[in-house]
Amino acid sequence: HIQEGWTFSGLAPEDGPGAAVTLRHTATGRHKTIRPTVLIGADGAGSAVRGALGPGYHLPTVALLQAKIILPKGHPHHLVHIWFNRETTPYFYWLVPDSSQTGVVGVIVNHGTGARQALDGFINQMGWEALEYEHGYTTLYVPGFRPEAHWNGLRICLVGDAAGQVKTTTVGGTVAGLRGAAACVRAITRHTPYRRELAPLRRELWMHSFIRRFLNPLDDGCLLYTSPSPRDRTRSRMPS
């Protein structure tokens, strides 16, 4: 059954095979210990489960920041817009309408401390006004990263952002994370290696990381934005 309100707190080896998993109740601070046969770490980019496995399980992260704005006059509410500016980010800026009047504009940067400066600068240049901000961060896929460990006999599987199951081209991880979760379920129910069940997803994520290696050195003039309509293509960049 599902028990809400508990977070992972730590691992401790048993005298024999197996490990004790400590959980903390977020509301009361109370701790309890369980002894599972499988532990799934699906606890996001700052995964405490991954952290408990040691420095060999480190993954790089990128910061995401977006702001709600009033849509520019005449902007189609079904159109997503992308801008590239290699001076401020190796990724991109976006504008995604979330209603007929408002949208969210955001940016991805390698260092969280530069996200606000980059986004505010972009918003000011476009003549918009930020109504409110949302921020977060995510991991990036690293070829060769092993999302499964056997810790004193305890099988540990990492899923989603905790495993770096994120496309390094677009920094999208929702679909990839769900596919990772499905692979984890197959591995457990079939008693097969998690890495084997992940093979199709790993190949796809490796291809995205390979493409990212070619995108990083490009300048704005080499990057092309494609609108939702296949007949409407335009190169987009920040105004000078």
Protein backbone atom coordinates (compact mmCIF):
# COMPACT_ATOMS: atom_id res chain seq x y z
CA HIS A 1 0.00 0.00 0.00
CA ILE A 2 1.01 3.63 -0.47
CA GLN A 3 2.18 5.61 2.54
CA GLU A 4 2.23 9.35 1.98
CA GLY A 5 4.38 11.93 3.71
CA TRP A 6 7.58 9.89 4.02
CA THR A 7 10.93 10.76 2.44
CA PHE A 8 14.13 8.78 2.05
CA SER A 9 16.63 9.56 4.81
CA GLY A 10 19.50 7.09 4.50
CA LEU A 11 20.92 3.61 4.00
CA ALA A 12 22.68 1.38 6.51
CA PRO A 13 24.13 -2.10 5.89
CA GLU A 14 22.76 -5.03 7.82
CA ASP A 15 25.06 -7.50 9.57
CA GLY A 16 24.24 -10.01 6.84
CA PRO A 17 22.97 -9.45 3.29
CA GLY A 18 20.54 -6.59 2.89
CA ALA A 19 20.25 -3.00 3.98
CA ALA A 20 18.10 -0.91 6.29
CA VAL A 21 16.38 2.04 4.62
CA THR A 22 15.54 4.94 6.93
CA LEU A 23 12.49 7.08 6.16
CA ARG A 24 11.50 10.41 7.71
CA HIS A 25 7.97 11.73 8.05
CA THR A 26 7.96 15.27 6.68
CA ALA A 27 5.22 16.55 9.00
CA THR A 28 6.32 15.05 12.33
CA GLY A 29 10.03 14.41 11.80
CA ARG A 30 9.52 10.83 12.99
CA HIS A 31 11.82 8.15 11.56
CA LYS A 32 11.21 4.52 10.75
CA THR A 33 13.28 1.75 9.20
CA ILE A 34 12.25 -0.68 6.48
CA ARG A 35 14.16 -3.56 4.88
CA PRO A 36 13.02 -3.85 1.25
CA THR A 37 14.45 -6.15 -1.40
CA VAL A 38 14.23 -3.39 -4.05
CA LEU A 39 14.56 0.38 -3.64
CA ILE A 40 13.48 2.65 -6.50
CA GLY A 41 14.91 6.16 -6.46
CA ALA A 42 12.45 8.33 -8.39
CA ASP A 43 13.12 11.40 -6.27
CA GLY A 44 14.17 13.93 -8.88
CA ALA A 45 17.32 15.75 -9.87
CA GLY A 46 18.49 16.14 -6.27
CA SER A 47 17.91 12.45 -5.59
CA ALA A 48 18.80 11.52 -2.01
CA VAL A 49 18.82 7.86 -3.05
CA ARG A 50 21.44 8.55 -5.73
CA GLY A 51 23.41 10.67 -3.28
CA ALA A 52 23.53 7.79 -0.80
CA LEU A 53 25.30 5.67 -3.41
CA GLY A 54 28.36 7.93 -3.36
CA PRO A 55 30.24 10.30 -5.68
CA GLY A 56 30.40 7.72 -8.47
CA TYR A 57 26.72 8.40 -9.08
CA HIS A 58 27.00 12.16 -9.63
CA LEU A 59 25.09 13.65 -12.58
CA PRO A 60 25.43 17.17 -14.05
CA THR A 61 22.47 19.51 -13.71
CA VAL A 62 21.06 22.49 -15.58
CA ALA A 63 18.79 25.24 -14.24
CA LEU A 64 15.39 26.12 -15.66
CA LEU A 65 13.61 29.42 -15.00
CA GLN A 66 10.40 30.70 -16.52
CA ALA A 67 8.07 33.64 -15.97
CA LYS A 68 4.41 34.20 -16.71
CA ILE A 69 3.71 37.13 -19.03
CA ILE A 70 0.83 38.75 -20.88
CA LEU A 71 1.06 37.48 -24.47
CA PRO A 72 2.26 40.05 -27.02
CA LYS A 73 -0.58 41.60 -28.99
CA GLY A 74 -1.48 39.43 -31.96
CA HIS A 75 0.54 36.41 -30.80
CA PRO A 76 -1.34 33.21 -31.76
CA HIS A 77 -2.21 31.36 -28.56
CA HIS A 78 -1.45 28.00 -30.24
CA LEU A 79 2.09 28.97 -31.31
CA VAL A 80 5.20 27.99 -29.34
CA HIS A 81 8.20 30.20 -30.11
CA ILE A 82 11.90 29.41 -29.63
CA TRP A 83 14.89 31.81 -29.62
CA PHE A 84 18.59 31.04 -29.61
CA ASN A 85 21.27 33.26 -28.08
CA ARG A 86 24.58 31.48 -27.64
CA GLU A 87 26.04 34.36 -25.65
CA THR A 88 23.74 33.65 -22.71
CA THR A 89 22.81 29.95 -23.01
CA PRO A 90 23.84 26.92 -25.08
CA TYR A 91 20.19 25.86 -25.05
CA PHE A 92 17.31 28.23 -25.86
CA TYR A 93 14.56 30.58 -24.71
CA TRP A 94 10.91 29.66 -25.17
CA LEU A 95 7.47 31.22 -25.14
CA VAL A 96 4.59 28.79 -24.54
CA PRO A 97 1.03 30.21 -24.40
CA ASP A 98 -1.00 28.71 -21.54
CA SER A 99 -4.21 30.59 -22.38
CA SER A 100 -5.46 33.05 -24.97
CA GLN A 101 -4.06 35.95 -22.90
CA THR A 102 -1.00 34.64 -21.04
CA GLY A 103 2.05 32.51 -21.62
CA VAL A 104 5.30 31.42 -19.98
CA VAL A 105 8.70 32.50 -21.21
CA GLY A 106 11.73 30.60 -19.96
CA VAL A 107 15.39 29.74 -20.33
CA ILE A 108 17.77 26.86 -19.60
CA VAL A 109 21.30 27.61 -18.41
CA ASN A 110 24.18 25.50 -17.17
CA HIS A 111 24.59 27.53 -13.98
CA GLY A 112 21.57 28.46 -11.88
CA THR A 113 23.08 31.77 -10.76
CA GLY A 114 22.87 33.13 -14.30
CA ALA A 115 19.28 32.12 -15.04
CA ARG A 116 17.55 35.20 -13.58
CA GLN A 117 19.93 37.63 -15.24
CA ALA A 118 19.55 35.91 -18.61
CA LEU A 119 15.75 35.69 -18.46
CA ASP A 120 15.24 39.23 -17.17
CA GLY A 121 17.53 40.56 -19.88
CA PHE A 122 15.57 38.69 -22.54
CA ILE A 123 12.19 39.85 -21.18
CA ASN A 124 13.36 43.47 -21.08
CA GLN A 125 14.67 43.30 -24.64
CA MET A 126 11.34 41.94 -25.85
CA GLY A 127 9.44 44.68 -24.00
CA TRP A 128 7.49 42.26 -21.80
CA GLU A 129 6.81 42.23 -18.06
CA ALA A 130 7.23 39.23 -15.75
CA LEU A 131 4.17 38.59 -13.58
CA GLU A 132 5.62 35.70 -11.55
CA TYR A 133 8.52 33.24 -11.71
CA GLU A 134 8.93 29.47 -11.50
CA HIS A 135 12.29 27.76 -11.19
CA GLY A 136 13.80 24.32 -10.92
CA TYR A 137 16.64 22.19 -12.19
CA THR A 138 17.14 18.83 -13.81
CA THR A 139 19.90 16.36 -14.56
CA LEU A 140 21.40 15.54 -17.93
CA TYR A 141 21.96 12.10 -19.43
CA VAL A 142 25.52 10.82 -19.19
CA PRO A 143 26.43 7.88 -21.46
CA GLY A 144 27.79 5.06 -19.35
CA PHE A 145 25.93 6.10 -16.20
CA ARG A 146 24.59 3.03 -14.40
CA PRO A 147 21.13 3.60 -12.93
CA GLU A 148 21.20 0.32 -11.02
CA ALA A 149 23.26 -0.73 -8.00
CA HIS A 150 23.42 -3.67 -5.63
CA TRP A 151 24.18 -2.27 -2.20
CA ASN A 152 24.97 -4.99 0.30
CA GLY A 153 22.40 -7.20 -1.42
CA LEU A 154 19.75 -4.47 -1.80
CA ARG A 155 18.77 -3.83 -5.43
CA ILE A 156 18.55 -0.09 -6.13
CA CYS A 157 17.12 1.32 -9.38
CA LEU A 158 17.11 5.00 -10.32
CA VAL A 159 14.32 6.39 -12.50
CA GLY A 160 13.60 9.65 -14.31
CA ASP A 161 15.60 12.75 -13.37
CA ALA A 162 17.30 10.75 -10.62
CA ALA A 163 18.81 8.58 -13.38
CA GLY A 164 19.51 11.41 -15.83
CA GLN A 165 16.85 10.09 -18.21
CA VAL A 166 16.65 13.48 -19.90
CA LYS A 167 17.23 14.44 -23.55
CA THR A 168 20.27 16.72 -23.68
CA THR A 169 19.02 18.39 -26.88
CA THR A 170 15.79 19.85 -25.47
CA VAL A 171 16.23 18.99 -21.77
CA GLY A 172 12.91 17.15 -21.91
CA GLY A 173 12.51 14.32 -19.43
CA THR A 174 8.80 13.58 -18.93
CA VAL A 175 8.42 10.91 -21.62
CA ALA A 176 11.93 9.55 -21.08
CA GLY A 177 11.27 9.27 -17.35
CA LEU A 178 8.03 7.36 -17.92
CA ARG A 179 9.85 4.99 -20.26
CA GLY A 180 12.53 4.51 -17.62
CA ALA A 181 9.85 3.70 -15.04
CA ALA A 182 8.29 1.13 -17.36
CA ALA A 183 11.71 -0.46 -17.92
CA CYS A 184 12.26 -0.60 -14.16
CA VAL A 185 8.94 -2.40 -13.67
CA ARG A 186 9.82 -4.93 -16.38
CA ALA A 187 13.23 -5.54 -14.80
CA ILE A 188 11.70 -6.23 -11.40
CA THR A 189 8.80 -8.38 -12.57
CA ARG A 190 10.88 -10.34 -15.09
CA HIS A 191 13.95 -10.63 -12.83
CA THR A 192 16.12 -9.17 -15.59
CA PRO A 193 18.88 -6.52 -15.46
CA TYR A 194 17.45 -3.01 -15.44
CA ARG A 195 20.15 -1.89 -17.86
CA ARG A 196 19.00 -4.48 -20.41
CA GLU A 197 15.38 -3.32 -20.20
CA LEU A 198 16.59 0.26 -20.66
CA ALA A 199 18.50 -0.51 -23.87
CA PRO A 200 16.06 1.18 -26.33
CA LEU A 201 15.82 4.31 -24.17
CA ARG A 202 19.57 4.39 -23.59
CA ARG A 203 20.20 4.30 -27.35
CA GLU A 204 17.82 7.21 -27.87
CA LEU A 205 19.31 9.27 -25.04
CA TRP A 206 22.83 8.51 -26.30
CA MET A 207 21.81 9.86 -29.72
CA HIS A 208 20.53 13.07 -28.11
CA SER A 209 23.83 13.47 -26.22
CA PHE A 210 25.71 12.87 -29.49
CA ILE A 211 23.66 15.59 -31.21
CA ARG A 212 24.31 17.93 -28.26
CA ARG A 213 28.07 17.61 -28.89
CA PHE A 214 27.48 19.08 -32.36
CA LEU A 215 25.05 21.75 -31.17
CA ASN A 216 27.34 23.19 -28.48
CA PRO A 217 29.90 24.83 -30.81
CA LEU A 218 27.32 26.28 -33.23
CA ASP A 219 26.47 29.98 -33.35
CA ASP A 220 23.01 31.50 -33.65
CA GLY A 221 23.08 31.60 -37.43
CA CYS A 222 23.41 27.81 -37.65
CA LEU A 223 20.37 27.06 -35.50
CA LEU A 224 16.97 26.73 -37.12
CA TYR A 225 13.59 26.92 -35.41
CA THR A 226 10.67 24.98 -36.89
CA SER A 227 7.13 26.11 -36.10
CA PRO A 228 4.24 23.65 -35.56
CA SER A 229 3.37 24.01 -39.23
CA PRO A 230 5.86 22.09 -41.45
CA ARG A 231 5.41 24.73 -44.14
CA ASP A 232 6.32 27.62 -41.87
CA ARG A 233 10.00 27.75 -40.93
CA THR A 234 11.79 30.78 -39.60
CA ARG A 235 15.13 31.43 -38.00
CA SER A 236 14.66 33.07 -34.63
CA ARG A 237 17.15 34.86 -32.42
CA MET A 238 17.10 37.48 -29.74
CA PRO A 239 16.83 41.05 -31.00
CA SER A 240 20.11 42.96 -31.02
